[in-house]
Amino acid sequence: MDQPTAPLPPQHPSYASALATPPPPRMPRHRGRRIGELTAVAVLTAALASGGTWGVMALTDDGTTAVSSTGASTSGDSAASVVPVSSASKTNPDWNAVTAAVTPSVVSITVAAGSSGGEGSGVVLDKEGHVLTNHHVVSGAGDDATITVTLSDGKTYRASIAGEDASTDLAVLTLEDPPDDLQPITVGSSSGLEVGDPVMAVGNPLGLSGTVTTGIVSALDRPVTTSSTESEQQDPFGQQQQSSQVVTSAIQTSAAVNPGNSGGALVDAAGRLVGINSSIASLGSSSGQSGSIGIGFAIPVDEAQWIAEQLIEDGQAEHAFLGVTPSDGTAELGSATRSGAQIRSVSDGSPAAEAGLQEGDLVVGVDDSTVTSAESLVGIIHSHRIGTKVSLAVVRDGEEQTIEATLGTAPTSQG
């Protein structure tokens, strides 16, 4: 039986940008092969934002101090072939070598304005001083906030926001006068990950910089819904904040991540970035436990890299667009019942319309990923680049068929 989740605010434009228009607001539920499987355990996914006063903190631990999350992501075929740790082995990882290779590329981030602030983590992307982190780490403090980045050698630098994207919970910072010996992380690819692969999380949990934890990839394409906050400019510390949903087709990992890990690196046994840690599943508020319970979520690096490239270039990001309004649904397929994303409407002229999707169709798969719900479809579409051709597994009139669609660009008016 599904556990109740904390009420979430109105639907985020991410539904619109990934699909078309959002389903009607409802109390979020974790269904099917999602957090609902955890029955008495995971009743809430919480963004790991550290100790500020802005609204995302309430999602994490209902008012305790600093919270943030670690994470890392990978992308790029050529980069994926680079192996920082030559002794890499899935069966016998050399975590000492991975730690030595990765730690110099992971930073601690502090955001402060007046008596308020927060902490998080980030990863160095290039020699120019660009640092990838979570949007919820740097949001909420207002335009006058001071952002500082501390490298693994203890040196601290001022930083500014190069770009941010609330709908994917990603942001890029730029260091002021970065050092010549800045060490960018090696970016891998999340597309080659398999359940059971060993991974390491590196970040700044609870202000403990340079912390590493290890675990495995517990699941892939896990639909995870958290909230993002965007502050009103005239009231930057949460009095009139706007909240919205962020839907991620996430990497689930058993590597312990805690408040302060947001934006940090998730790397494979070769020391390559495969994800950006961003949220955790937590117990109910009555349990008094808000830290790691062994269920963490990371944004796949293939998505994070694509968004980061746009944020560095333009300061904002465009998103893939299918052009449907989905809801959770089921359909009979022989003697079995399939769960998926039921198409409630198709936007005129959209990629979905051109591909032949129809109202009432039940989408149960995208390429090799299983679709179990509306959120699942949203997260998977959002993780793709614009112009990607996808194969949709659709149940129509009791039969499964494949429909090819080429994803377009979400209208700017929809996020």
Protein backbone atom coordinates (compact mmCIF):
# COMPACT_ATOMS: atom_id res chain seq x y z
CA MET A 1 0.00 0.00 0.00
CA ASP A 2 1.36 3.41 -0.94
CA GLN A 3 2.54 5.68 1.86
CA PRO A 4 1.36 9.29 1.91
CA THR A 5 3.88 11.89 0.86
CA ALA A 6 4.31 15.46 1.94
CA PRO A 7 2.00 17.78 -0.03
CA LEU A 8 3.76 19.35 -2.99
CA PRO A 9 2.95 22.71 -4.57
CA PRO A 10 1.29 23.25 -7.97
CA GLN A 11 2.73 21.47 -10.97
CA HIS A 12 6.06 22.74 -12.23
CA PRO A 13 6.54 23.88 -15.83
CA SER A 14 8.80 20.83 -16.19
CA TYR A 15 5.66 18.87 -17.00
CA ALA A 16 4.91 21.34 -19.75
CA SER A 17 8.44 21.53 -21.08
CA ALA A 18 8.90 17.79 -21.23
CA LEU A 19 5.44 16.87 -22.44
CA ALA A 20 2.82 19.56 -22.99
CA THR A 21 0.51 20.68 -20.24
CA PRO A 22 0.61 19.26 -16.71
CA PRO A 23 -1.86 16.82 -15.28
CA PRO A 24 -4.24 18.33 -12.75
CA PRO A 25 -2.64 18.95 -9.33
CA ARG A 26 -2.95 16.03 -6.93
CA MET A 27 -1.38 14.68 -3.81
CA PRO A 28 1.84 13.05 -5.04
CA ARG A 29 1.95 9.29 -4.67
CA HIS A 30 4.80 6.90 -5.39
CA ARG A 31 3.31 4.12 -7.48
CA GLY A 32 4.29 0.89 -9.14
CA ARG A 33 8.00 0.18 -9.33
CA ARG A 34 8.84 3.36 -7.49
CA ILE A 35 9.25 4.47 -3.92
CA GLY A 36 5.91 2.84 -3.09
CA GLU A 37 7.82 -0.45 -3.07
CA LEU A 38 9.53 0.72 0.09
CA THR A 39 6.22 0.57 2.00
CA ALA A 40 7.07 1.66 5.53
CA VAL A 41 10.36 3.31 4.59
CA ALA A 42 10.34 5.92 1.84
CA VAL A 43 7.47 8.28 2.31
CA LEU A 44 9.24 11.38 1.05
CA THR A 45 11.97 12.32 -1.37
CA ALA A 46 13.85 15.28 -0.02
CA ALA A 47 16.20 17.66 -1.77
CA LEU A 48 19.43 17.75 0.19
CA ALA A 49 19.73 21.49 0.59
CA SER A 50 21.93 22.70 3.38
CA GLY A 51 21.16 24.94 6.28
CA GLY A 52 19.53 27.96 4.67
CA THR A 53 16.19 29.49 5.47
CA TRP A 54 14.79 28.98 1.98
CA GLY A 55 11.87 26.66 1.38
CA VAL A 56 13.65 23.58 0.01
CA MET A 57 15.13 23.01 3.43
CA ALA A 58 11.72 22.03 4.75
CA LEU A 59 11.66 19.15 2.28
CA THR A 60 14.80 17.78 3.77
CA ASP A 61 14.45 17.62 7.48
CA ASP A 62 11.58 19.83 8.63
CA GLY A 63 13.76 22.51 10.11
CA THR A 64 17.01 20.96 11.18
CA THR A 65 20.19 22.74 10.22
CA ALA A 66 22.40 22.53 7.17
CA VAL A 67 21.34 20.13 4.49
CA SER A 68 22.76 19.47 1.03
CA SER A 69 23.42 16.61 -1.32
CA THR A 70 26.20 15.14 -3.34
CA GLY A 71 26.12 14.04 -6.87
CA ALA A 72 27.91 13.69 -10.14
CA SER A 73 27.03 13.12 -13.73
CA THR A 74 28.60 11.84 -16.89
CA SER A 75 28.23 12.34 -20.57
CA GLY A 76 30.04 12.30 -23.87
CA ASP A 77 31.26 9.21 -25.71
CA SER A 78 34.85 10.42 -26.01
CA ALA A 79 35.05 11.42 -22.36
CA ALA A 80 33.61 8.09 -21.27
CA SER A 81 36.64 6.31 -22.76
CA VAL A 82 39.02 8.22 -20.46
CA VAL A 83 39.84 6.21 -17.34
CA PRO A 84 41.38 8.20 -14.44
CA VAL A 85 41.94 5.00 -12.44
CA SER A 86 43.65 2.36 -14.58
CA SER A 87 43.20 -0.28 -11.88
CA ALA A 88 39.41 0.10 -12.18
CA SER A 89 37.44 -3.08 -11.63
CA LYS A 90 33.75 -3.55 -10.94
CA THR A 91 34.46 -6.67 -8.92
CA ASN A 92 37.36 -5.20 -6.93
CA PRO A 93 37.27 -1.38 -7.01
CA ASP A 94 40.37 0.52 -5.89
CA TRP A 95 38.53 3.15 -3.87
CA ASN A 96 41.79 4.66 -2.57
CA ALA A 97 42.85 5.43 -6.14
CA VAL A 98 39.37 6.70 -7.04
CA THR A 99 39.37 9.00 -4.01
CA ALA A 100 42.75 10.42 -4.95
CA ALA A 101 41.61 11.02 -8.53
CA VAL A 102 38.21 12.53 -7.79
CA THR A 103 38.50 14.52 -4.55
CA PRO A 104 40.48 17.45 -6.09
CA SER A 105 37.56 18.00 -8.50
CA VAL A 106 34.82 18.17 -5.85
CA VAL A 107 34.21 21.45 -4.01
CA SER A 108 32.25 22.75 -1.05
CA ILE A 109 29.80 25.60 -1.68
CA THR A 110 28.61 28.17 0.83
CA VAL A 111 25.78 30.60 0.12
CA ALA A 112 25.23 33.44 2.61
CA ALA A 113 23.12 36.58 2.90
CA GLY A 114 22.91 38.34 6.21
CA SER A 115 22.35 35.79 8.95
CA SER A 116 20.98 33.17 6.56
CA GLY A 117 22.65 30.75 4.24
CA GLY A 118 23.34 27.18 3.27
CA GLU A 119 25.94 24.73 2.12
CA GLY A 120 26.31 22.19 -0.64
CA SER A 121 28.74 20.53 -2.98
CA GLY A 122 29.80 20.87 -6.61
CA VAL A 123 32.09 19.46 -9.28
CA VAL A 124 34.69 21.32 -11.34
CA LEU A 125 33.84 21.10 -15.04
CA ASP A 126 36.73 22.93 -16.72
CA LYS A 127 39.84 25.04 -16.27
CA GLU A 128 37.78 28.21 -16.75
CA GLY A 129 36.32 27.71 -13.26
CA HIS A 130 32.82 26.43 -14.06
CA VAL A 131 31.34 24.37 -11.24
CA LEU A 132 28.22 22.23 -11.63
CA THR A 133 25.87 21.94 -8.66
CA ASN A 134 22.17 21.70 -7.80
CA HIS A 135 19.85 24.65 -8.32
CA HIS A 136 18.48 24.23 -4.81
CA VAL A 137 21.99 24.74 -3.39
CA VAL A 138 22.30 28.27 -4.80
CA SER A 139 18.66 29.37 -5.04
CA GLY A 140 16.71 31.21 -2.40
CA ALA A 141 19.40 33.60 -1.21
CA GLY A 142 18.58 36.47 -3.53
CA ASP A 143 20.72 38.56 -5.85
CA ASP A 144 22.81 40.01 -3.01
CA ALA A 145 23.93 36.65 -1.64
CA THR A 146 27.61 35.85 -1.34
CA ILE A 147 28.65 32.54 -2.89
CA THR A 148 32.02 31.03 -2.04
CA VAL A 149 33.58 27.82 -3.28
CA THR A 150 36.24 25.97 -1.27
CA LEU A 151 38.55 23.61 -3.15
CA SER A 152 39.93 20.39 -1.73
CA ASP A 153 43.18 22.17 -0.80
CA GLY A 154 41.25 24.50 1.49
CA LYS A 155 41.50 27.61 -0.70
CA THR A 156 38.27 29.60 -1.01
CA TYR A 157 37.12 31.69 -4.00
CA ARG A 158 34.19 33.97 -4.67
CA ALA A 159 31.77 32.70 -7.31
CA SER A 160 28.80 33.93 -9.32
CA ILE A 161 25.93 32.07 -10.98
CA ALA A 162 26.61 31.49 -14.67
CA GLY A 163 23.20 29.92 -15.21
CA GLU A 164 20.51 27.96 -13.42
CA ASP A 165 17.64 25.69 -14.39
CA ALA A 166 15.03 25.03 -11.73
CA SER A 167 13.17 22.42 -13.77
CA THR A 168 16.16 20.04 -13.70
CA ASP A 169 17.54 21.28 -10.35
CA LEU A 170 20.90 22.17 -11.91
CA ALA A 171 23.06 25.29 -11.81
CA VAL A 172 26.55 26.32 -12.92
CA LEU A 173 28.81 28.66 -10.95
CA THR A 174 31.86 30.55 -12.21
CA LEU A 175 34.85 31.05 -9.92
CA GLU A 176 36.40 34.51 -9.79
CA ASP A 177 40.07 34.29 -10.83
CA PRO A 178 40.30 30.48 -10.69
CA PRO A 179 43.72 28.96 -9.97
CA ASP A 180 45.85 27.61 -12.81
CA ASP A 181 45.98 24.16 -11.22
CA LEU A 182 42.20 23.71 -11.13
CA GLN A 183 41.46 20.04 -11.77
CA PRO A 184 38.28 19.31 -13.79
CA ILE A 185 36.45 16.07 -13.12
CA THR A 186 36.52 13.35 -15.77
CA VAL A 187 33.02 13.08 -17.19
CA GLY A 188 31.82 9.60 -18.07
CA SER A 189 28.43 8.44 -19.34
CA SER A 190 25.38 7.34 -17.38
CA SER A 191 24.03 5.38 -20.36
CA GLY A 192 26.37 2.47 -19.66
CA LEU A 193 25.46 2.07 -16.00
CA GLU A 194 23.97 -1.22 -14.85
CA VAL A 195 22.16 -2.11 -11.66
CA GLY A 196 24.75 -3.50 -9.26
CA ASP A 197 27.64 -1.37 -10.52
CA PRO A 198 29.85 0.00 -7.70
CA VAL A 199 29.77 3.78 -7.23
CA MET A 200 31.25 6.39 -4.90
CA ALA A 201 29.65 9.63 -3.68
CA VAL A 202 31.95 12.56 -2.87
CA GLY A 203 30.76 15.76 -1.23
CA ASN A 204 30.29 17.99 1.77
CA PRO A 205 27.66 16.32 4.00
CA LEU A 206 26.84 18.32 7.15
CA GLY A 207 29.84 20.54 6.42
CA LEU A 208 32.29 17.61 6.43
CA SER A 209 34.12 18.40 3.19
CA GLY A 210 35.85 15.69 1.20
CA THR A 211 33.63 12.92 2.53
CA VAL A 212 33.44 9.77 0.41
CA THR A 213 30.93 6.94 0.68
CA THR A 214 30.53 3.87 -1.48
CA GLY A 215 27.66 1.68 -2.59
CA ILE A 216 26.07 0.32 -5.72
CA VAL A 217 23.63 1.44 -8.37
CA SER A 218 20.38 0.20 -6.85
CA ALA A 219 18.07 1.12 -9.75
CA LEU A 220 17.98 3.15 -12.96
CA ASP A 221 15.31 5.42 -14.44
CA ARG A 222 13.73 5.82 -11.02
CA PRO A 223 10.99 8.48 -11.24
CA VAL A 224 11.69 10.88 -8.38
CA THR A 225 9.67 14.00 -7.63
CA THR A 226 11.06 16.71 -5.38
CA SER A 227 10.38 20.42 -5.04
CA SER A 228 12.41 23.39 -6.16
CA THR A 229 12.03 26.92 -4.86
CA GLU A 230 12.59 30.17 -6.68
CA SER A 231 12.69 33.23 -4.50
CA GLU A 232 10.81 36.39 -5.20
CA GLN A 233 13.40 39.09 -5.81
CA GLN A 234 11.85 41.43 -3.27
CA ASP A 235 11.73 38.77 -0.55
CA PRO A 236 14.71 36.46 -0.97
CA PHE A 237 14.43 34.38 2.17
CA GLY A 238 11.33 32.33 1.88
CA GLN A 239 8.44 34.57 2.86
CA GLN A 240 6.93 34.56 -0.63
CA GLN A 241 8.78 31.78 -2.34
CA GLN A 242 7.48 30.02 -5.41
CA SER A 243 7.68 26.23 -5.21
CA SER A 244 7.45 23.77 -8.04
CA GLN A 245 7.97 20.12 -8.85
CA VAL A 246 11.14 18.67 -10.30
CA VAL A 247 10.74 15.25 -11.91
CA THR A 248 13.94 13.27 -12.50
CA SER A 249 14.57 9.90 -14.12
CA ALA A 250 17.17 9.27 -11.47
CA ILE A 251 19.99 6.92 -10.63
CA GLN A 252 19.17 5.29 -7.28
CA THR A 253 22.20 4.42 -5.16
CA SER A 254 22.95 2.85 -1.81
CA ALA A 255 25.98 5.12 -1.28
CA ALA A 256 25.16 7.22 1.78
CA VAL A 257 24.33 10.84 0.96
CA ASN A 258 23.22 13.35 3.55
CA PRO A 259 22.38 17.05 3.88
CA GLY A 260 25.28 18.93 2.31
CA ASN A 261 25.91 16.36 -0.43
CA SER A 262 23.71 18.16 -2.98
CA GLY A 263 25.57 18.91 -6.19
CA GLY A 264 28.42 16.56 -5.38
CA ALA A 265 29.82 13.76 -7.49
CA LEU A 266 28.65 10.22 -8.03
CA VAL A 267 31.49 8.40 -9.79
CA ASP A 268 32.10 4.89 -11.07
CA ALA A 269 34.95 2.56 -10.19
CA ALA A 270 37.09 4.21 -12.88
CA GLY A 271 36.70 7.64 -11.26
CA ARG A 272 34.39 9.02 -13.97
CA LEU A 273 31.44 11.25 -13.15
CA VAL A 274 28.15 9.42 -13.71
CA GLY A 275 25.67 11.50 -11.71
CA ILE A 276 24.97 14.58 -9.59
CA ASN A 277 23.52 13.58 -6.22
CA SER A 278 20.46 15.67 -5.48
CA SER A 279 17.94 14.00 -3.16
CA ILE A 280 17.26 11.18 -0.73
CA ALA A 281 14.30 9.09 0.34
CA SER A 282 13.52 9.77 3.96
CA LEU A 283 11.38 8.27 6.67
CA GLY A 284 8.22 9.96 7.89
CA SER A 285 8.62 13.05 10.02
CA SER A 286 7.43 11.15 13.09
CA SER A 287 10.51 8.91 12.94
CA GLY A 288 12.87 11.78 13.69
CA GLN A 289 15.31 10.52 11.03
CA SER A 290 16.21 12.86 8.20
CA GLY A 291 19.60 11.57 7.11
CA SER A 292 20.61 8.73 4.84
CA ILE A 293 18.64 5.50 4.96
CA GLY A 294 20.61 4.05 2.08
CA ILE A 295 18.36 5.36 -0.69
CA GLY A 296 19.85 8.30 -2.56
CA PHE A 297 19.11 9.71 -6.00
CA ALA A 298 21.39 11.32 -8.56
CA ILE A 299 20.72 13.20 -11.80
CA PRO A 300 22.29 11.15 -14.64
CA VAL A 301 25.38 12.81 -16.04
CA ASP A 302 24.17 12.60 -19.62
CA GLU A 303 21.31 14.94 -18.71
CA ALA A 304 23.43 17.09 -16.39
CA GLN A 305 26.12 17.63 -19.01
CA TRP A 306 23.61 18.71 -21.65
CA ILE A 307 22.03 21.21 -19.29
CA ALA A 308 25.41 22.47 -18.05
CA GLU A 309 26.59 23.13 -21.61
CA GLN A 310 23.57 25.33 -22.20
CA LEU A 311 23.89 27.15 -18.87
CA ILE A 312 27.52 27.99 -19.58
CA GLU A 313 26.72 29.16 -23.11
CA ASP A 314 23.41 30.97 -22.60
CA GLY A 315 22.71 31.17 -18.86
CA GLN A 316 19.51 29.17 -19.33
CA ALA A 317 18.45 25.83 -20.77
CA GLU A 318 15.96 24.53 -23.31
CA HIS A 319 14.28 21.17 -22.85
CA ALA A 320 13.01 18.32 -24.96
CA PHE A 321 9.31 18.35 -25.85
CA LEU A 322 6.94 15.53 -26.76
CA GLY A 323 3.61 17.32 -26.67
CA VAL A 324 1.16 15.27 -24.61
CA THR A 325 -0.72 15.61 -21.35
CA PRO A 326 -0.21 12.38 -19.36
CA SER A 327 -1.79 10.81 -16.31
CA ASP A 328 -1.22 7.54 -14.47
CA GLY A 329 -3.12 4.74 -16.17
CA THR A 330 -3.41 1.03 -16.91
CA ALA A 331 -4.37 -1.11 -19.87
CA GLU A 332 -5.09 -4.78 -20.46
CA LEU A 333 -2.53 -6.62 -22.55
CA GLY A 334 -3.60 -10.22 -22.95
CA SER A 335 -4.12 -11.63 -19.47
CA ALA A 336 -1.84 -9.01 -17.90
CA THR A 337 -2.44 -5.44 -16.77
CA ARG A 338 0.20 -2.87 -17.70
CA SER A 339 0.79 0.39 -15.84
CA GLY A 340 2.08 3.43 -17.65
CA ALA A 341 1.44 7.01 -18.74
CA GLN A 342 -1.99 7.39 -20.33
CA ILE A 343 -2.28 10.11 -22.97
CA ARG A 344 -5.10 12.48 -22.05
CA SER A 345 -4.50 14.89 -24.92
CA VAL A 346 -2.05 15.53 -27.77
CA SER A 347 -0.95 19.06 -28.68
CA ASP A 348 -1.57 20.09 -32.28
CA GLY A 349 1.59 20.19 -34.37
CA SER A 350 3.68 18.59 -31.63
CA PRO A 351 6.18 15.74 -32.10
CA ALA A 352 3.60 13.42 -30.53
CA ALA A 353 0.94 14.45 -33.04
CA GLU A 354 3.34 14.04 -35.96
CA ALA A 355 4.30 10.58 -34.69
CA GLY A 356 0.66 9.47 -34.46
CA LEU A 357 0.14 9.24 -30.69
CA GLN A 358 -3.54 9.33 -29.78
CA GLU A 359 -5.66 10.19 -26.78
CA GLY A 360 -6.11 7.05 -24.69
CA ASP A 361 -2.78 5.48 -25.68
CA LEU A 362 -0.82 4.02 -22.75
CA VAL A 363 2.92 4.65 -23.03
CA VAL A 364 4.75 1.79 -21.28
CA GLY A 365 8.28 2.32 -22.54
CA VAL A 366 10.74 4.79 -24.08
CA ASP A 367 13.63 3.04 -25.83
CA ASP A 368 15.01 0.62 -23.23
CA SER A 369 13.38 2.37 -20.25
CA THR A 370 10.13 1.15 -18.71
CA VAL A 371 7.40 3.76 -18.17
CA THR A 372 5.19 3.04 -15.17
CA SER A 373 3.47 6.38 -14.58
CA ALA A 374 3.05 9.96 -15.78
CA GLU A 375 6.03 11.07 -13.69
CA SER A 376 8.11 8.29 -15.21
CA LEU A 377 7.39 9.54 -18.73
CA VAL A 378 8.07 13.15 -17.74
CA GLY A 379 11.45 12.29 -16.22
CA ILE A 380 12.57 10.15 -19.14
CA ILE A 381 11.59 12.70 -21.80
CA HIS A 382 13.19 15.50 -19.81
CA SER A 383 16.47 13.55 -19.68
CA HIS A 384 16.81 13.50 -23.49
CA ARG A 385 18.41 16.08 -25.72
CA ILE A 386 16.34 18.08 -28.17
CA GLY A 387 16.18 16.36 -31.56
CA THR A 388 16.56 12.85 -30.13
CA LYS A 389 14.58 10.14 -31.92
CA VAL A 390 12.85 7.88 -29.39
CA SER A 391 10.91 4.62 -29.70
CA LEU A 392 7.71 4.69 -27.67
CA ALA A 393 6.14 1.38 -26.61
CA VAL A 394 2.40 2.04 -26.66
CA VAL A 395 -0.59 -0.12 -25.72
CA ARG A 396 -3.58 0.69 -27.94
CA ASP A 397 -6.77 -1.39 -28.23
CA GLY A 398 -5.22 -4.23 -26.25
CA GLU A 399 -2.12 -4.52 -28.42
CA GLU A 400 1.39 -3.18 -27.98
CA GLN A 401 3.01 -1.28 -30.81
CA THR A 402 6.08 0.89 -31.35
CA ILE A 403 5.82 4.53 -32.38
CA GLU A 404 8.86 6.59 -33.37
CA ALA A 405 8.98 10.26 -32.37
CA THR A 406 11.60 12.98 -32.68
CA LEU A 407 11.63 15.26 -29.64
CA GLY A 408 11.25 18.97 -30.29
CA THR A 409 12.04 22.08 -28.27
CA ALA A 410 9.69 23.07 -25.50
CA PRO A 411 8.01 26.44 -26.11
CA THR A 412 9.65 29.10 -23.96
CA SER A 413 6.27 30.10 -22.57
CA GLN A 414 6.06 26.64 -21.02
CA GLY A 415 9.41 26.71 -19.30
